[in-house]
Protein backbone atom coordinates (compact mmCIF):
# COMPACT_ATOMS: atom_id res chain seq x y z
CA MET A 1 -0.50 -2.71 -12.70
CA LYS A 2 -1.13 -2.41 -16.40
CA GLU A 3 1.75 -3.49 -18.58
CA ALA A 4 3.00 -0.40 -20.35
CA GLY A 5 5.71 -1.48 -22.75
CA GLY A 6 9.41 -2.07 -22.25
CA ASP A 7 10.82 -5.24 -20.88
CA PRO A 8 7.87 -7.08 -19.31
CA ASP A 9 10.21 -8.95 -16.93
CA ARG A 10 11.67 -5.81 -15.46
CA MET A 11 9.20 -3.68 -13.52
CA PRO A 12 10.46 -0.59 -11.53
CA ASP A 13 11.86 -1.38 -8.13
CA ASN A 14 12.18 2.24 -6.96
CA TRP A 15 9.98 5.28 -7.13
CA THR A 16 12.09 7.35 -9.53
CA ASP A 17 11.79 4.67 -12.12
CA MET A 18 8.10 4.03 -11.28
CA ILE A 19 7.29 7.69 -11.80
CA ALA A 20 9.31 7.72 -15.02
CA LEU A 21 7.18 4.80 -16.26
CA ALA A 22 4.00 6.58 -15.26
CA VAL A 23 5.14 9.70 -17.24
CA ASN A 24 5.85 7.41 -20.24
CA ILE A 25 2.35 5.97 -19.95
CA LYS A 26 0.88 9.46 -19.83
CA SER A 27 2.68 10.37 -23.03
CA LYS A 28 0.69 7.74 -24.96
CA GLY A 29 -2.46 9.93 -25.12
CA PRO A 30 -4.28 12.90 -23.62
CA ASP A 31 -7.05 10.71 -22.14
CA VAL A 32 -4.62 8.47 -20.19
CA ALA A 33 -3.16 9.02 -16.74
CA GLY A 34 0.08 7.47 -15.69
CA ILE A 35 -0.69 6.47 -12.17
CA ALA A 36 -3.31 6.42 -9.35
CA TYR A 37 -1.85 6.43 -5.86
CA ASN A 38 -4.93 7.53 -3.87
CA ILE A 39 -3.13 8.67 -0.75
CA HIS A 40 -5.20 11.84 -0.82
CA ASP A 41 -8.47 10.04 0.14
CA TRP A 42 -7.28 6.75 1.56
CA PRO A 43 -9.16 5.94 4.83
CA ASP A 44 -6.05 5.04 6.85
CA ASP A 45 -2.37 5.99 6.54
CA TRP A 46 -1.02 2.77 5.03
CA LEU A 47 -0.09 4.40 1.78
CA PHE A 48 1.65 7.31 3.56
CA ARG A 49 3.47 4.92 5.98
CA SER A 50 4.60 2.88 2.99
CA LEU A 51 6.23 5.85 1.33
CA ILE A 52 8.01 6.74 4.57
CA LEU A 53 9.14 3.23 5.41
CA GLN A 54 10.28 2.30 1.89
CA GLY A 55 12.60 5.33 1.99
CA GLY A 56 14.24 4.14 5.15
CA GLY A 57 12.29 6.44 7.49
CA GLN A 58 10.16 5.84 10.55
CA MET A 59 6.75 7.23 11.57
CA LEU A 60 8.04 7.94 15.13
CA ASP A 61 11.39 8.81 16.66
CA ALA A 62 13.29 6.48 18.90
CA SER A 63 11.33 7.58 21.99
CA GLU A 64 8.06 6.94 20.02
CA THR A 65 6.60 10.16 21.34
CA THR A 66 7.07 12.53 18.41
CA ALA A 67 7.02 12.33 14.62
CA GLY A 68 10.00 10.60 13.07
CA PHE A 69 9.24 11.30 9.41
CA GLY A 70 10.37 14.94 9.30
CA LYS A 71 13.63 14.16 7.47
CA ASP A 72 14.80 13.05 4.03
CA ALA A 73 12.29 10.09 3.79
CA GLY A 74 9.40 12.40 4.58
CA LEU A 75 10.45 15.09 2.14
CA LYS A 76 11.00 12.52 -0.62
CA ALA A 77 7.57 11.01 0.05
CA LEU A 78 5.83 14.38 -0.48
CA VAL A 79 7.93 15.10 -3.54
CA HIS A 80 6.79 11.77 -4.99
CA CYS A 81 3.18 12.67 -4.21
CA ARG A 82 3.47 15.98 -6.04
CA ARG A 83 5.15 14.27 -9.02
CA PHE A 84 2.30 11.79 -9.27
CA VAL A 85 0.09 14.74 -10.23
CA ALA A 86 2.43 17.24 -11.84
CA ASP A 87 4.46 14.76 -13.95
CA ALA A 88 2.30 11.69 -14.35
CA LYS A 89 -0.96 13.62 -14.38
CA MET A 90 -2.63 11.57 -11.68
CA PRO A 91 -6.35 12.60 -11.43
CA LEU A 92 -7.25 13.68 -7.89
CA ILE A 93 -10.46 11.65 -7.88
CA ASP A 94 -11.65 9.21 -5.28
CA TRP A 95 -10.40 5.61 -5.07
CA ASP A 96 -13.44 3.97 -6.59
CA SER A 97 -13.31 6.29 -9.61
CA SER A 98 -9.62 5.59 -9.99
CA ARG A 99 -10.31 1.84 -9.96
CA GLN A 100 -13.04 2.25 -12.67
CA GLN A 101 -10.59 4.30 -14.76
CA PHE A 102 -7.90 1.66 -14.36
CA ILE A 103 -10.18 -1.19 -15.29
CA ALA A 104 -11.21 0.83 -18.37
CA GLY A 105 -7.58 1.13 -19.41
CA LYS A 106 -7.38 4.91 -18.71
CA ILE A 107 -4.84 4.65 -15.82
CA GLY A 108 -1.57 2.78 -16.30
CA ILE A 109 -0.40 2.13 -12.69
CA PHE A 110 -2.90 1.50 -9.87
CA ALA A 111 -1.94 1.13 -6.23
CA ASP A 112 -4.41 -1.00 -4.21
CA THR A 113 -4.44 -3.78 -1.56
CA PRO A 114 -3.90 -7.30 -2.93
CA ALA A 115 -7.09 -8.23 -1.05
CA ARG A 116 -8.94 -6.94 -4.05
CA LEU A 117 -6.73 -8.65 -6.72
CA ARG A 118 -9.17 -11.35 -7.56
CA GLN A 119 -11.95 -8.79 -7.98
CA VAL A 120 -9.89 -6.58 -10.23
CA THR A 121 -8.60 -9.46 -12.21
CA ASP A 122 -12.01 -10.71 -12.96
CA LEU A 123 -13.34 -7.24 -13.87
CA ILE A 124 -10.47 -6.65 -16.33
CA GLY A 125 -10.76 -10.15 -17.94
CA ASP A 126 -9.08 -9.98 -21.37
CA LYS A 127 -9.30 -6.21 -21.80
CA PHE A 128 -5.55 -5.83 -21.38
CA THR A 129 -2.59 -7.66 -19.76
CA LEU A 130 -2.55 -7.12 -16.03
CA ARG A 131 0.80 -7.16 -14.19
CA THR A 132 1.54 -6.83 -10.47
CA CYS A 133 4.82 -5.86 -8.99
CA THR A 134 6.33 -5.59 -5.59
CA PHE A 135 6.16 -2.19 -3.86
CA PRO A 136 9.03 0.05 -4.97
CA ILE A 137 11.78 0.51 -2.45
CA ASP A 138 14.06 3.52 -2.68
CA ASP A 139 16.33 2.65 0.23
CA LYS A 140 17.50 -0.97 -0.48
CA GLN A 141 19.32 -1.17 2.85
CA LYS A 142 16.80 0.18 5.41
CA GLY A 143 13.60 0.34 3.44
CA GLY A 144 10.56 -1.81 4.19
CA LEU A 145 6.77 -1.84 4.41
CA PRO A 146 4.32 -1.46 7.21
CA THR A 147 2.39 -4.57 8.29
CA GLY A 148 -1.32 -4.67 8.08
CA GLY A 149 -3.59 -5.50 11.05
CA ASN A 150 -4.79 -9.08 11.55
CA ALA A 151 -5.85 -10.49 14.90
CA ALA A 152 -8.24 -13.10 16.28
CA ILE A 153 -9.62 -12.82 19.82
CA ILE A 154 -11.74 -15.36 21.64
CA THR A 155 -14.28 -13.57 23.88
CA ALA A 156 -16.47 -16.58 24.74
CA LYS A 157 -16.69 -17.43 28.48
CA ASP A 158 -18.22 -20.89 28.04
CA PRO A 159 -15.47 -23.51 27.93
CA ALA A 160 -17.15 -25.47 25.09
CA LYS A 161 -17.45 -22.34 22.95
CA GLN A 162 -13.86 -21.49 23.75
CA ARG A 163 -12.70 -24.87 22.56
CA ALA A 164 -14.79 -24.59 19.41
CA ALA A 165 -13.50 -21.10 18.63
CA TRP A 166 -9.93 -22.22 19.24
CA GLU A 167 -10.35 -25.11 16.76
CA PHE A 168 -11.70 -22.65 14.18
CA LEU A 169 -8.90 -20.18 14.69
CA LYS A 170 -6.34 -22.95 14.25
CA PHE A 171 -7.94 -23.89 10.96
CA VAL A 172 -8.45 -20.39 9.62
CA SER A 173 -4.86 -19.43 10.30
CA GLY A 174 -3.53 -22.71 8.91
CA PRO A 175 -2.19 -23.27 5.44
CA GLU A 176 -5.35 -24.86 3.94
CA ALA A 177 -7.61 -21.96 4.95
CA GLN A 178 -5.01 -19.46 3.89
CA LYS A 179 -4.84 -21.17 0.51
CA ILE A 180 -8.61 -20.54 0.18
CA VAL A 181 -8.20 -16.86 1.22
CA VAL A 182 -5.49 -16.20 -1.36
CA GLU A 183 -7.27 -17.96 -4.26
CA THR A 184 -10.57 -16.10 -3.63
CA THR A 185 -9.13 -12.64 -2.81
CA GLY A 186 -5.45 -12.29 -3.50
CA TYR A 187 -4.51 -11.39 0.03
CA MET A 188 -1.06 -12.19 1.42
CA PRO A 189 -1.08 -15.55 3.20
CA THR A 190 -0.41 -15.15 6.92
CA ASN A 191 0.93 -18.72 7.26
CA LEU A 192 4.33 -19.38 5.84
CA ARG A 193 3.52 -22.97 4.94
CA ALA A 194 0.72 -21.80 2.68
CA SER A 195 3.07 -20.69 -0.08
CA GLY A 196 4.74 -24.05 -0.24
CA PRO A 197 4.39 -26.92 -2.77
CA ASP A 198 1.54 -28.66 -0.91
CA PHE A 199 -0.74 -25.64 -0.97
CA LEU A 200 -0.36 -22.46 -3.05
CA ALA A 201 2.69 -23.12 -5.25
CA PRO A 202 0.68 -24.75 -8.10
CA PHE A 203 -1.79 -21.89 -7.97
CA TYR A 204 0.97 -19.34 -8.02
CA ASP A 205 2.63 -20.95 -10.96
CA LYS A 206 -0.58 -20.57 -13.03
CA ASN A 207 -1.42 -17.12 -11.55
CA PRO A 208 1.86 -15.23 -11.02
CA ASN A 209 0.18 -11.94 -10.27
CA PHE A 210 -1.05 -13.54 -7.02
CA ARG A 211 2.49 -14.60 -5.96
CA THR A 212 3.88 -11.02 -5.90
CA VAL A 213 2.64 -10.07 -2.46
CA SER A 214 4.15 -13.13 -0.83
CA GLN A 215 7.55 -12.02 -2.10
CA GLN A 216 7.45 -9.00 0.23
CA ILE A 217 7.17 -10.80 3.59
CA GLU A 218 10.86 -10.14 4.45
CA ARG A 219 10.19 -6.37 3.97
CA ALA A 220 7.70 -6.26 6.80
CA LYS A 221 8.33 -3.57 9.47
CA PRO A 222 6.58 -2.97 12.84
CA TRP A 223 3.54 -0.69 12.94
CA GLN A 224 4.33 2.24 15.16
CA GLY A 225 1.20 3.51 16.89
CA TYR A 226 0.78 7.20 17.70
CA PRO A 227 0.59 7.90 21.48
CA GLY A 228 -2.37 9.86 22.80
CA GLY A 229 -5.29 8.10 21.08
CA GLN A 230 -5.62 10.59 18.29
CA SER A 231 -4.48 8.40 15.39
CA VAL A 232 -7.56 8.98 13.22
CA LYS A 233 -7.42 12.68 13.65
CA ILE A 234 -3.67 12.72 13.02
CA TRP A 235 -4.10 10.87 9.72
CA ARG A 236 -6.92 13.08 8.54
CA THR A 237 -4.80 16.18 9.37
CA GLN A 238 -1.79 14.63 7.48
CA ARG A 239 -4.00 13.63 4.53
CA GLU A 240 -5.35 17.17 4.12
CA ILE A 241 -1.84 18.56 3.95
CA ILE A 242 -0.70 15.79 1.57
CA HIS A 243 -3.61 16.66 -0.71
CA ALA A 244 -2.59 20.34 -0.63
CA VAL A 245 0.93 19.35 -1.66
CA MET A 246 -0.43 17.18 -4.49
CA ARG A 247 -2.58 20.05 -5.78
CA GLY A 248 0.46 22.35 -5.76
CA GLU A 249 -1.03 24.68 -3.14
CA THR A 250 1.93 24.32 -0.84
CA THR A 251 5.49 23.03 -1.30
CA ALA A 252 6.68 19.60 -0.11
CA GLU A 253 9.04 21.36 2.37
CA ALA A 254 6.28 23.54 3.84
CA GLY A 255 3.87 20.60 3.89
CA LEU A 256 6.25 18.40 5.75
CA ASP A 257 7.00 21.01 8.33
CA ARG A 258 3.32 21.52 8.95
CA MET A 259 2.65 17.74 9.13
CA VAL A 260 5.32 17.26 11.78
CA LYS A 261 4.15 20.18 13.88
CA GLU A 262 0.46 19.31 13.72
CA SER A 263 1.08 15.59 14.30
CA ASN A 264 3.24 16.31 17.36
CA ALA A 265 0.64 18.74 18.76
CA LEU A 266 -2.10 16.07 18.40
CA MET A 267 -0.03 13.42 20.07
CA LYS A 268 0.55 15.75 23.09
CA SER A 269 -2.98 17.03 23.36
CA SER A 270 -4.45 14.01 25.02
């Protein structure tokens, strides 16, 4: 996130204030956009899930057989998406173009994985002051964030190879290797010891932008998988509708109704 005035120690912690900040950034000039939240061309549904979960919603209902986002959290998520464009003048360009515009100082707020923080930091250099902040949470009681996907599987059949693979996996998931991962990429450490004084704490003190993601661990929520094996098609269908809402071609209410119906139909079609 690019610092955009105001109190530098108080970044928005909810989407109403975040959008207000984006609108304020946009007011600084005709060639500046307030925000880039590239949900309309993101390859998976993490950005969409994040808007649902942070608002206290769920992707699936209690039975985990039908869509659970067709209520207030889903409607607010689509309203936010429309406001990104209508109020903060988010350009509906692809992610790589948005990143280039952000690095050039033409977009004020840029949503991206922390796995690219080192890359973006180095590309910005001293062009402007880069700030990161935790993901805004509208529902402070029930809101959270979806977890990412990290797994390691040993497929070797030979006992010697299995032992060697196990030793490597113990190392790569340990605090020393996670320290290396964070310092070279910015990704969230998956070992709780890694953030401690013996490993990342000194680095975080010198590079506070990298610490931000580790402050969200307690917000992690389970990843609900769609039944039926059509997850990719479901997301692409949802994304098309979200894009239509962002363009103003359909209302948030109508878009949400269509998303729920089409997601449910795809879950039951297999």
